[in-house]
Protein backbone atom coordinates (compact mmCIF):
# COMPACT_ATOMS: atom_id res chain seq x y z
CA MET A 1 16.38 35.92 -14.38
CA LEU A 2 14.25 32.76 -15.10
CA LEU A 3 17.25 30.58 -15.62
CA ASP A 4 18.64 31.41 -12.18
CA ARG A 5 15.41 30.68 -10.38
CA VAL A 6 15.08 27.37 -11.93
CA ARG A 7 18.48 26.46 -11.05
CA THR A 8 18.06 27.68 -7.48
CA TYR A 9 14.65 25.73 -7.47
CA MET A 10 16.50 22.52 -8.54
CA LEU A 11 19.33 22.84 -6.11
CA GLY A 12 16.85 23.51 -3.09
CA LEU A 13 15.06 20.51 -3.59
CA SER A 14 18.08 18.39 -4.66
CA MET A 15 16.36 17.40 -7.94
CA VAL A 16 19.76 16.41 -9.71
CA ASN A 17 22.94 15.74 -8.74
CA PRO A 18 26.22 16.36 -10.91
CA GLY A 19 26.86 13.52 -13.25
CA ASP A 20 23.05 12.79 -13.39
CA GLY A 21 21.53 11.41 -16.72
CA VAL A 22 18.16 13.21 -17.27
CA VAL A 23 15.39 12.14 -19.73
CA VAL A 24 13.38 15.04 -20.60
CA ALA A 25 9.69 14.48 -21.40
CA VAL A 26 9.09 16.91 -24.30
CA SER A 27 5.68 17.05 -25.99
CA GLY A 28 6.45 20.13 -28.08
CA GLY A 29 4.09 22.56 -26.03
CA PRO A 30 5.42 25.69 -24.56
CA ASP A 31 5.98 24.09 -21.13
CA SER A 32 8.12 21.08 -22.00
CA THR A 33 10.00 23.08 -24.92
CA ALA A 34 11.10 25.71 -22.19
CA LEU A 35 11.90 23.01 -19.83
CA LEU A 36 14.23 21.29 -22.44
CA HIS A 37 15.71 24.49 -23.53
CA LEU A 38 16.41 25.60 -19.68
CA LEU A 39 17.86 22.17 -18.91
CA TRP A 40 20.19 22.34 -21.81
CA ARG A 41 21.47 25.75 -20.87
CA LEU A 42 22.19 24.51 -17.40
CA SER A 43 23.48 20.87 -18.31
CA GLY A 44 27.04 22.22 -18.57
CA PRO A 45 27.21 24.25 -15.14
CA MET A 46 25.11 21.30 -13.52
CA HIS A 47 27.09 18.56 -14.95
CA LEU A 48 23.94 16.85 -16.56
CA THR A 49 23.56 14.51 -19.58
CA LEU A 50 20.24 14.99 -21.38
CA HIS A 51 18.13 12.62 -23.36
CA VAL A 52 14.99 13.79 -24.97
CA PHE A 53 11.83 11.68 -25.14
CA HIS A 54 8.55 12.31 -27.11
CA MET A 55 5.36 10.05 -27.11
CA ASP A 56 3.05 10.19 -30.21
CA HIS A 57 -0.15 8.68 -28.85
CA GLY A 58 -1.47 8.40 -32.45
CA LEU A 59 -4.57 10.55 -31.24
CA ARG A 60 -4.56 13.66 -33.42
CA GLY A 61 -3.42 12.52 -36.93
CA ALA A 62 -1.08 14.87 -38.71
CA ALA A 63 -0.91 17.14 -35.69
CA SER A 64 0.47 14.25 -33.67
CA ALA A 65 3.11 13.37 -36.32
CA GLY A 66 3.99 17.18 -36.59
CA ASP A 67 4.40 17.31 -32.56
CA ALA A 68 6.99 14.29 -33.04
CA GLU A 69 8.69 16.04 -36.07
CA TYR A 70 9.15 19.38 -34.06
CA VAL A 71 10.74 17.54 -31.12
CA ARG A 72 13.04 15.78 -33.38
CA ARG A 73 14.23 18.91 -35.08
CA LEU A 74 14.39 20.74 -31.63
CA ALA A 75 16.68 17.73 -30.10
CA GLU A 76 18.83 17.89 -33.36
CA SER A 77 19.26 21.55 -33.11
CA LEU A 78 20.32 21.11 -29.35
CA GLU A 79 22.67 18.03 -30.18
CA LEU A 80 20.90 16.08 -28.11
CA PRO A 81 19.98 12.25 -28.30
CA CYS A 82 16.17 11.84 -28.76
CA THR A 83 13.69 8.87 -28.53
CA VAL A 84 10.35 9.10 -30.15
CA VAL A 85 7.87 6.21 -29.31
CA THR A 86 4.72 6.09 -31.61
CA LEU A 87 1.35 4.32 -31.14
CA PRO A 88 -0.69 3.23 -34.08
CA ALA A 89 -3.31 5.56 -34.86
CA GLY A 90 -6.57 4.74 -32.71
CA ALA A 91 -4.66 2.12 -30.64
CA LEU A 92 -5.52 3.71 -27.22
CA LYS A 93 -9.31 4.25 -28.27
CA GLN A 94 -9.69 0.40 -28.48
CA GLN A 95 -8.67 -0.24 -25.06
CA ALA A 96 -11.19 0.04 -22.17
CA GLY A 97 -11.05 2.76 -19.71
CA SER A 98 -10.33 6.64 -19.49
CA LEU A 99 -8.40 7.96 -22.60
CA GLN A 100 -6.37 10.34 -20.83
CA ALA A 101 -5.47 7.76 -17.84
CA LYS A 102 -4.62 5.10 -20.72
CA ALA A 103 -2.18 7.76 -22.44
CA ARG A 104 -0.74 8.64 -19.05
CA SER A 105 -0.05 4.98 -18.03
CA ILE A 106 1.79 4.13 -21.28
CA ARG A 107 3.54 7.37 -21.55
CA TYR A 108 5.18 6.90 -18.08
CA ALA A 109 5.93 3.29 -18.74
CA GLU A 110 7.88 4.23 -21.95
CA LEU A 111 9.55 7.01 -20.01
CA ARG A 112 10.77 4.50 -17.41
CA ALA A 113 11.89 2.28 -20.27
CA ALA A 114 13.79 5.14 -22.00
CA ALA A 115 15.43 6.21 -18.76
CA ARG A 116 16.91 2.52 -18.19
CA ARG A 117 18.25 2.37 -21.93
CA ALA A 118 19.77 5.93 -21.44
CA GLY A 119 21.12 4.85 -17.92
CA ALA A 120 19.29 8.05 -16.42
CA SER A 121 18.10 8.36 -12.98
CA ARG A 122 16.07 11.39 -13.25
CA ILE A 123 13.01 12.03 -15.45
CA ALA A 124 12.15 15.60 -16.01
CA LEU A 125 8.45 16.85 -16.55
CA GLY A 126 7.10 20.18 -17.55
CA HIS A 127 4.35 20.74 -15.06
CA ASN A 128 4.28 24.50 -13.85
CA ARG A 129 2.81 26.54 -11.40
CA ASN A 130 -0.72 26.89 -13.24
CA ASP A 131 -0.83 22.85 -13.32
CA GLN A 132 -0.29 22.83 -9.62
CA ALA A 133 -3.07 25.34 -8.96
CA GLU A 134 -5.53 23.31 -11.48
CA THR A 135 -4.63 20.09 -9.56
CA VAL A 136 -5.26 21.51 -6.26
CA LEU A 137 -8.66 22.96 -7.05
CA MET A 138 -9.74 19.78 -8.82
CA ARG A 139 -8.67 17.75 -5.77
CA PHE A 140 -10.30 19.98 -3.46
CA LEU A 141 -13.76 20.09 -5.61
CA ARG A 142 -13.49 16.23 -5.29
CA GLY A 143 -12.98 16.11 -1.53
CA ALA A 144 -9.24 15.37 -1.20
CA GLY A 145 -7.54 15.50 2.42
CA PRO A 146 -4.13 16.94 2.92
CA LYS A 147 -2.27 14.50 0.87
CA GLY A 148 -4.38 15.34 -2.03
CA LEU A 149 -4.17 18.96 -1.61
CA ALA A 150 -0.40 19.09 -1.44
CA GLY A 151 -0.97 18.56 -5.22
CA ILE A 152 2.00 17.78 -7.64
CA PRO A 153 5.16 16.65 -5.76
CA PRO A 154 8.22 18.56 -7.36
CA VAL A 155 10.44 15.41 -6.75
CA ARG A 156 8.96 11.81 -6.51
CA ALA A 157 10.93 8.58 -6.46
CA GLU A 158 9.54 5.56 -8.18
CA GLY A 159 11.67 2.57 -8.22
CA GLU A 160 15.20 3.32 -9.91
CA ALA A 161 13.89 6.49 -11.59
CA THR A 162 13.12 9.87 -9.92
CA TYR A 163 10.63 12.22 -11.38
CA VAL A 164 11.46 15.87 -11.02
CA ARG A 165 9.45 19.12 -12.01
CA PRO A 166 11.87 22.03 -12.38
CA LEU A 167 9.08 24.40 -13.70
CA LEU A 168 6.83 23.66 -10.71
CA GLY A 169 7.39 27.17 -9.30
CA ILE A 170 7.03 29.09 -12.72
CA SER A 171 3.86 30.46 -13.94
CA ARG A 172 2.62 29.73 -17.52
CA GLY A 173 2.76 33.38 -18.52
CA GLU A 174 6.59 33.43 -17.64
CA ILE A 175 7.02 30.28 -19.76
CA ASP A 176 5.49 31.85 -22.66
CA GLU A 177 7.53 35.02 -22.30
CA TYR A 178 10.67 32.80 -22.20
CA CYS A 179 9.71 30.83 -25.42
CA ARG A 180 9.29 34.37 -27.01
CA LEU A 181 12.61 35.96 -25.75
CA HIS A 182 14.37 32.70 -26.91
CA GLU A 183 12.68 32.48 -30.27
CA LEU A 184 11.21 29.14 -29.65
CA SER A 185 8.21 28.06 -31.50
CA PRO A 186 6.36 25.65 -29.56
CA ARG A 187 3.52 23.51 -30.92
CA LEU A 188 -0.06 24.31 -29.54
CA ASP A 189 -2.30 21.32 -29.10
CA GLU A 190 -5.85 22.62 -29.82
CA SER A 191 -7.49 19.87 -27.70
CA ASN A 192 -6.47 21.80 -24.54
CA ARG A 193 -8.80 24.59 -25.59
CA GLU A 194 -11.82 22.19 -25.78
CA PRO A 195 -13.95 22.12 -22.49
CA ASP A 196 -14.57 18.33 -22.70
CA TYR A 197 -12.23 17.54 -19.84
CA THR A 198 -12.67 18.58 -16.25
CA ARG A 199 -8.88 20.18 -16.15
CA ASN A 200 -9.67 22.12 -19.33
CA ARG A 201 -12.95 23.55 -17.99
CA LEU A 202 -11.03 24.54 -14.75
CA ARG A 203 -8.30 26.33 -16.66
CA LEU A 204 -10.73 27.97 -19.23
CA GLN A 205 -13.51 28.74 -17.16
CA LEU A 206 -13.50 28.35 -13.23
CA ILE A 207 -10.16 29.69 -12.56
CA PRO A 208 -10.39 32.89 -14.68
CA GLN A 209 -13.96 33.39 -13.06
CA LEU A 210 -12.61 32.98 -9.49
CA GLN A 211 -9.61 35.25 -10.42
CA ALA A 212 -11.93 38.02 -11.65
CA ASP A 213 -14.49 38.06 -9.02
CA TYR A 214 -12.56 36.81 -5.87
CA ASN A 215 -8.86 36.75 -5.98
CA PRO A 216 -6.30 37.75 -8.76
CA ALA A 217 -3.59 36.08 -7.11
CA LEU A 218 -5.74 32.54 -6.93
CA THR A 219 -3.00 30.62 -8.91
CA ALA A 220 -0.20 31.80 -6.90
CA ASN A 221 -1.91 31.07 -3.53
CA LEU A 222 -3.00 27.74 -4.39
CA SER A 223 0.42 26.64 -5.52
CA ASP A 224 1.82 28.22 -2.25
CA MET A 225 -0.95 26.26 -0.29
CA ALA A 226 0.11 22.96 -1.73
CA ASP A 227 3.72 23.71 -0.78
CA VAL A 228 2.71 24.25 2.94
CA LEU A 229 0.59 21.23 3.02
CA ARG A 230 3.04 18.99 1.38
CA ALA A 231 5.76 20.13 4.15
CA GLU A 232 3.13 19.27 6.63
CA ASP A 233 2.00 16.06 5.05
CA ASP A 234 5.65 15.01 5.06
CA LEU A 235 5.87 15.73 8.75
CA LEU A 236 2.85 13.88 9.76
CA GLU A 237 3.97 10.87 7.58
CA GLN A 238 6.99 10.78 9.46
CA LEU A 239 5.35 10.82 12.85
CA ALA A 240 2.98 8.20 11.77
CA ARG A 241 5.81 5.90 10.53
CA GLN A 242 7.34 6.20 13.91
CA ALA A 243 4.11 5.35 15.66
CA PHE A 244 3.47 2.42 13.44
CA ASP A 245 7.02 0.85 13.65
CA ARG A 246 6.83 1.29 17.44
CA GLY A 247 3.16 -0.19 17.84
CA ARG A 248 3.29 -3.09 15.40
CA THR A 249 3.46 -6.53 16.75
CA SER A 250 4.65 -9.79 15.04
CA GLY A 251 2.25 -12.49 13.71
CA GLU A 252 0.48 -12.91 10.66
CA GLY A 253 -0.03 -10.07 8.16
CA VAL A 254 0.26 -6.61 9.90
CA SER A 255 -0.76 -6.47 13.48
CA ILE A 256 -1.41 -3.33 15.57
CA PRO A 257 -3.05 -3.45 18.79
CA GLY A 258 -6.25 -1.29 18.89
CA SER A 259 -5.18 0.60 21.95
CA VAL A 260 -2.01 1.82 19.93
CA LEU A 261 -4.64 3.20 17.25
CA LEU A 262 -6.79 4.54 19.59
CA GLY A 263 -4.10 6.20 21.65
CA GLU A 264 -2.57 8.23 18.84
CA PRO A 265 -4.13 11.54 17.44
CA LEU A 266 -6.81 10.85 15.06
CA ALA A 267 -4.75 12.32 12.22
CA LEU A 268 -1.76 10.10 12.94
CA ALA A 269 -4.32 6.96 13.51
CA ARG A 270 -5.94 7.34 9.97
CA ARG A 271 -2.35 7.15 8.48
CA ILE A 272 -1.25 4.29 10.26
CA VAL A 273 -4.18 2.46 9.24
CA ARG A 274 -3.50 3.47 5.54
CA MET A 275 0.18 2.58 6.15
CA ALA A 276 -1.02 -1.18 7.38
CA ALA A 277 -3.05 -1.51 4.31
CA ARG A 278 -0.68 -0.49 1.81
CA GLU A 279 1.96 -3.08 3.41
CA VAL A 280 -0.46 -5.86 2.91
CA ALA A 281 -1.97 -4.98 -0.29
CA GLY A 282 0.60 -3.00 -2.08
CA PRO A 283 2.20 0.64 -2.19
CA GLU A 284 -0.52 1.98 -4.60
CA TYR A 285 -3.48 1.05 -2.42
CA ASP A 286 -5.38 4.01 -1.28
CA LEU A 287 -7.94 3.52 1.48
CA GLY A 288 -10.72 6.08 1.59
CA LEU A 289 -11.75 7.85 4.37
CA ASP A 290 -15.06 5.64 5.03
CA SER A 291 -12.96 2.51 5.19
CA VAL A 292 -10.40 3.99 7.54
CA THR A 293 -13.21 5.42 9.87
CA ARG A 294 -14.60 1.71 9.69
CA VAL A 295 -11.38 0.18 10.55
CA LEU A 296 -10.73 2.53 13.65
CA GLU A 297 -14.37 1.99 14.92
CA LEU A 298 -13.79 -1.75 14.92
CA ALA A 299 -10.25 -1.29 16.61
CA ALA A 300 -12.12 0.03 19.74
CA ARG A 301 -13.68 -3.46 20.26
CA ILE A 302 -11.93 -5.50 22.98
CA GLU A 303 -14.12 -8.42 23.29
CA GLY A 304 -14.51 -11.25 20.61
CA SER A 305 -13.52 -11.24 17.23
CA HIS A 306 -14.72 -9.13 14.12
CA THR A 307 -14.11 -9.14 10.60
CA LEU A 308 -14.27 -6.14 8.00
CA ASP A 309 -13.92 -6.77 4.08
CA LEU A 310 -12.13 -3.92 2.47
CA PRO A 311 -11.98 -3.28 -1.48
CA ARG A 312 -9.59 -5.39 -3.62
CA GLY A 313 -9.12 -8.32 -1.45
CA LEU A 314 -7.89 -6.86 2.03
CA ARG A 315 -9.47 -8.08 5.35
CA VAL A 316 -9.08 -6.49 8.76
CA VAL A 317 -9.69 -8.88 11.82
CA VAL A 318 -9.95 -7.38 15.07
CA GLU A 319 -9.42 -10.20 17.72
CA TYR A 320 -9.70 -9.12 21.51
CA GLY A 321 -8.12 -5.69 20.69
CA LEU A 322 -5.47 -6.94 18.23
CA CYS A 323 -6.05 -5.48 14.62
CA ARG A 324 -4.68 -7.56 11.94
CA PHE A 325 -4.47 -6.47 8.31
CA LEU A 326 -4.50 -9.60 6.17
CA PRO A 327 -5.12 -10.57 2.42
CA ASP A 328 -8.17 -12.12 2.06
CA SER A 329 -7.33 -15.86 1.24
CA GLU A 330 -9.11 -19.11 1.81
CA PRO A 331 -8.01 -20.97 4.98
CA THR A 332 -5.81 -24.25 4.42
CA VAL A 333 -7.84 -27.24 4.40
CA CYS A 334 -6.54 -29.73 6.68
CA PRO A 335 -7.28 -33.69 7.30
CA ASP A 336 -10.06 -34.14 9.95
CA SER A 337 -7.86 -36.31 12.37
CA TRP A 338 -4.48 -37.70 12.96
CA ALA A 339 -3.89 -41.06 14.71
CA LEU A 340 -1.27 -40.99 17.23
CA ALA A 341 1.33 -43.63 18.17
CA VAL A 342 0.94 -44.84 21.94
CA PRO A 343 3.65 -45.05 23.13
CA GLY A 344 5.63 -42.91 20.54
CA THR A 345 6.00 -39.56 18.89
CA THR A 346 3.63 -38.34 16.03
CA VAL A 347 4.63 -35.16 14.07
CA ILE A 348 1.56 -33.21 12.57
CA PRO A 349 2.95 -30.78 10.16
CA GLU A 350 -0.49 -29.31 9.32
CA LEU A 351 -1.02 -28.19 12.91
CA GLY A 352 2.68 -27.51 13.37
CA ILE A 353 2.94 -29.84 16.58
CA ARG A 354 4.75 -32.96 17.88
CA VAL A 355 2.94 -35.19 20.08
CA SER A 356 4.81 -37.63 22.45
CA ILE A 357 3.26 -40.19 24.64
CA GLY A 358 4.84 -42.40 27.41
CA ASP A 359 4.62 -43.28 30.81
CA GLY A 360 4.63 -40.68 33.53
CA ASP A 361 2.19 -38.69 35.75
CA GLU A 362 3.96 -35.48 36.22
CA PRO A 363 2.86 -32.86 33.76
CA ASP A 364 4.88 -29.52 33.32
CA GLY A 365 2.63 -26.64 31.99
CA PRO A 366 -0.30 -26.20 29.71
CA TRP A 367 1.41 -28.24 26.89
CA GLN A 368 1.51 -31.42 28.85
CA ALA A 369 -1.18 -33.87 30.45
CA ALA A 370 -1.37 -36.80 32.49
CA LEU A 371 -3.96 -39.25 31.77
CA ASP A 372 -5.71 -42.16 33.11
CA ALA A 373 -5.13 -44.95 30.30
CA ASP A 374 -7.95 -47.02 31.78
CA ARG A 375 -10.35 -44.30 31.44
CA LEU A 376 -9.78 -43.79 27.67
CA ARG A 377 -12.62 -45.53 25.73
CA GLY A 378 -11.17 -45.64 22.33
CA PRO A 379 -7.94 -44.96 20.23
CA LEU A 380 -6.10 -41.78 20.99
CA ALA A 381 -5.89 -39.18 18.00
CA ILE A 382 -5.60 -35.57 17.25
CA ARG A 383 -8.60 -33.83 15.50
CA ARG A 384 -9.92 -30.30 14.83
CA ARG A 385 -13.02 -29.19 16.42
CA LYS A 386 -16.62 -30.13 15.41
CA PRO A 387 -19.98 -28.53 16.34
CA GLY A 388 -21.34 -29.69 19.77
CA ASP A 389 -17.82 -30.64 21.24
CA ARG A 390 -17.90 -30.50 25.04
CA LEU A 391 -15.76 -31.10 27.90
CA TRP A 392 -15.75 -31.62 31.68
CA PRO A 393 -13.38 -28.97 32.40
CA THR A 394 -11.03 -29.33 35.17
CA GLY A 395 -11.68 -26.60 37.97
CA MET A 396 -15.39 -26.36 36.87
CA GLU A 397 -18.53 -28.25 37.59
CA GLY A 398 -20.54 -29.85 34.65
CA THR A 399 -19.82 -29.68 31.24
CA LYS A 400 -19.04 -26.84 28.99
CA LYS A 401 -19.13 -26.19 25.32
CA LEU A 402 -15.57 -26.21 23.65
CA GLN A 403 -16.74 -23.03 21.76
CA ASP A 404 -17.39 -21.21 24.98
CA ILE A 405 -14.20 -22.49 26.35
CA LEU A 406 -12.11 -20.95 23.42
CA VAL A 407 -14.07 -17.72 23.63
CA ASP A 408 -13.28 -17.45 27.30
CA ALA A 409 -9.51 -18.06 26.61
CA LYS A 410 -9.95 -15.37 23.93
CA VAL A 411 -8.88 -17.54 20.98
CA PRO A 412 -9.43 -15.61 17.77
CA ARG A 413 -12.34 -16.90 15.76
CA ARG A 414 -10.25 -17.66 12.49
CA LEU A 415 -7.72 -19.64 14.89
CA ARG A 416 -10.06 -21.61 16.56
CA ASP A 417 -10.21 -24.50 13.85
CA GLN A 418 -6.47 -24.79 14.38
CA VAL A 419 -6.80 -25.84 17.94
CA ALA A 420 -5.63 -29.37 18.45
CA LEU A 421 -7.85 -31.75 20.25
CA LEU A 422 -6.68 -34.92 21.83
CA VAL A 423 -9.60 -37.38 21.59
CA ALA A 424 -10.12 -41.00 22.74
CA GLY A 425 -12.63 -42.46 20.08
CA ALA A 426 -15.44 -39.94 20.02
CA GLU A 427 -14.69 -38.11 23.26
CA VAL A 428 -12.69 -34.90 23.48
CA VAL A 429 -10.01 -35.63 26.32
CA TRP A 430 -8.03 -32.35 26.07
CA ALA A 431 -8.15 -29.13 24.08
CA ILE A 432 -4.36 -28.80 23.89
CA GLY A 433 -3.15 -25.82 25.61
CA TYR A 434 -6.50 -24.73 27.28
CA ARG A 435 -8.53 -27.11 29.10
CA LEU A 436 -8.26 -30.89 30.21
CA ASP A 437 -11.48 -33.07 30.68
CA ARG A 438 -11.26 -33.82 34.47
CA ARG A 439 -12.98 -37.43 33.64
CA PHE A 440 -9.66 -38.60 31.77
CA ARG A 441 -6.90 -37.01 34.04
CA SER A 442 -4.61 -39.00 36.07
CA GLY A 443 -5.38 -39.26 40.01
CA PRO A 444 -4.31 -41.04 43.30
CA ASP A 445 -6.34 -44.16 42.01
CA THR A 446 -4.58 -44.20 38.64
CA GLN A 447 -3.17 -47.68 37.79
CA ARG A 448 -1.57 -46.79 34.65
CA SER A 449 -0.53 -43.12 33.62
CA LEU A 450 0.22 -41.80 30.20
CA LEU A 451 2.00 -38.60 29.98
CA VAL A 452 1.19 -36.41 26.65
CA ARG A 453 3.81 -34.03 25.83
CA VAL A 454 2.71 -31.44 22.74
CA GLU A 455 5.53 -29.35 21.23
CA PRO A 456 5.76 -26.96 18.19
CA VAL A 457 7.39 -28.02 15.12
CA GLY A 458 8.20 -26.17 11.71
CA PRO A 459 5.19 -25.91 9.12
CA LYS A 460 4.63 -28.46 6.40
CA SER A 461 6.97 -27.85 3.50
């Protein structure tokens, strides 16, 4: 019995809980009419509160108005509250974009609004097994992967609402028979018989031909395949999430060592890349296979810094084997230099440091330096790097470009302009935290020594 099958399907997938409010989307066609009737019969045993919703898109003139009136009468006959949203005639056609996509977007937004007003946590949609088969075949022809071939999910949470599809395991023929047995007279949308849209051509032409020439059970098989792939996709997603959470590191944006990505099976590595991209760019961000492949190729580079710009303002920067997913934004503009108090303490919020200068000649660690005050030719200041900067690094002979020193220290390219330089007049004295110019360091012959200490501070508010 169809009623029992639908009830078992709903319970098996935890589509609803006792006491749930359910908004039922009813177009007036056979699928949604049967859906409403079935849920109405189940609402008592399953303790559900139903609210009927209909959207008149204003696209088919008198036929659209007739659909709305039919839904109103059907809801009234079942003693259910009903919301009908009507768009002005031609309003959708005046907006740019695909007519079907615009209609769907507005319909779902109005469904969520109706659910909020009704205090309902579930929105029931009338997709059936044939719709599932059409979706899978259409996505296959477009080259979808496992997630796409998993088809229409029977349960999908989105914010405060959860979409449920109780008829997804029921064929269109069974629905038509149910409507006949219960003397329901659903409306028929003639536009569904026009081969103007891809889905209609699949339904009217390709699937019947494939069933006739190759496999009479095509619809059931495609639907079953979607069920199998959905379960496997869920498992892979869980494994990828675990690997993602284990492997990510702290820092700006979303950071993952390239070795973590390359150490996972390719199926999981691709999913991890998409997870990182969605975390930065938003849950609806869908990174294509070509972009994912380019990210993984970049992640294999362990030397230097490399940047990949992706669609919709996402940037991937690989810095010495660390993959960072970042929003594409302009760098903060800082002043060129900051004068230092000698002796005294100077806070530079733009660089996140505090510089203290006083007497002393015993530095402790890479963030302290002892200088010979008599060799400093000019006032002390902090600045960012400039083209042509050079040092006479301690422990090395001759001079070396600051650029090469930072590369050797594996400072990411995008962070090199944030390296603080201690300068005396025009000369670089210390690339703070990296290299000290040996000409200015305190030594046995130093008469007056200055100890420079650099400490981190919070960012500028």
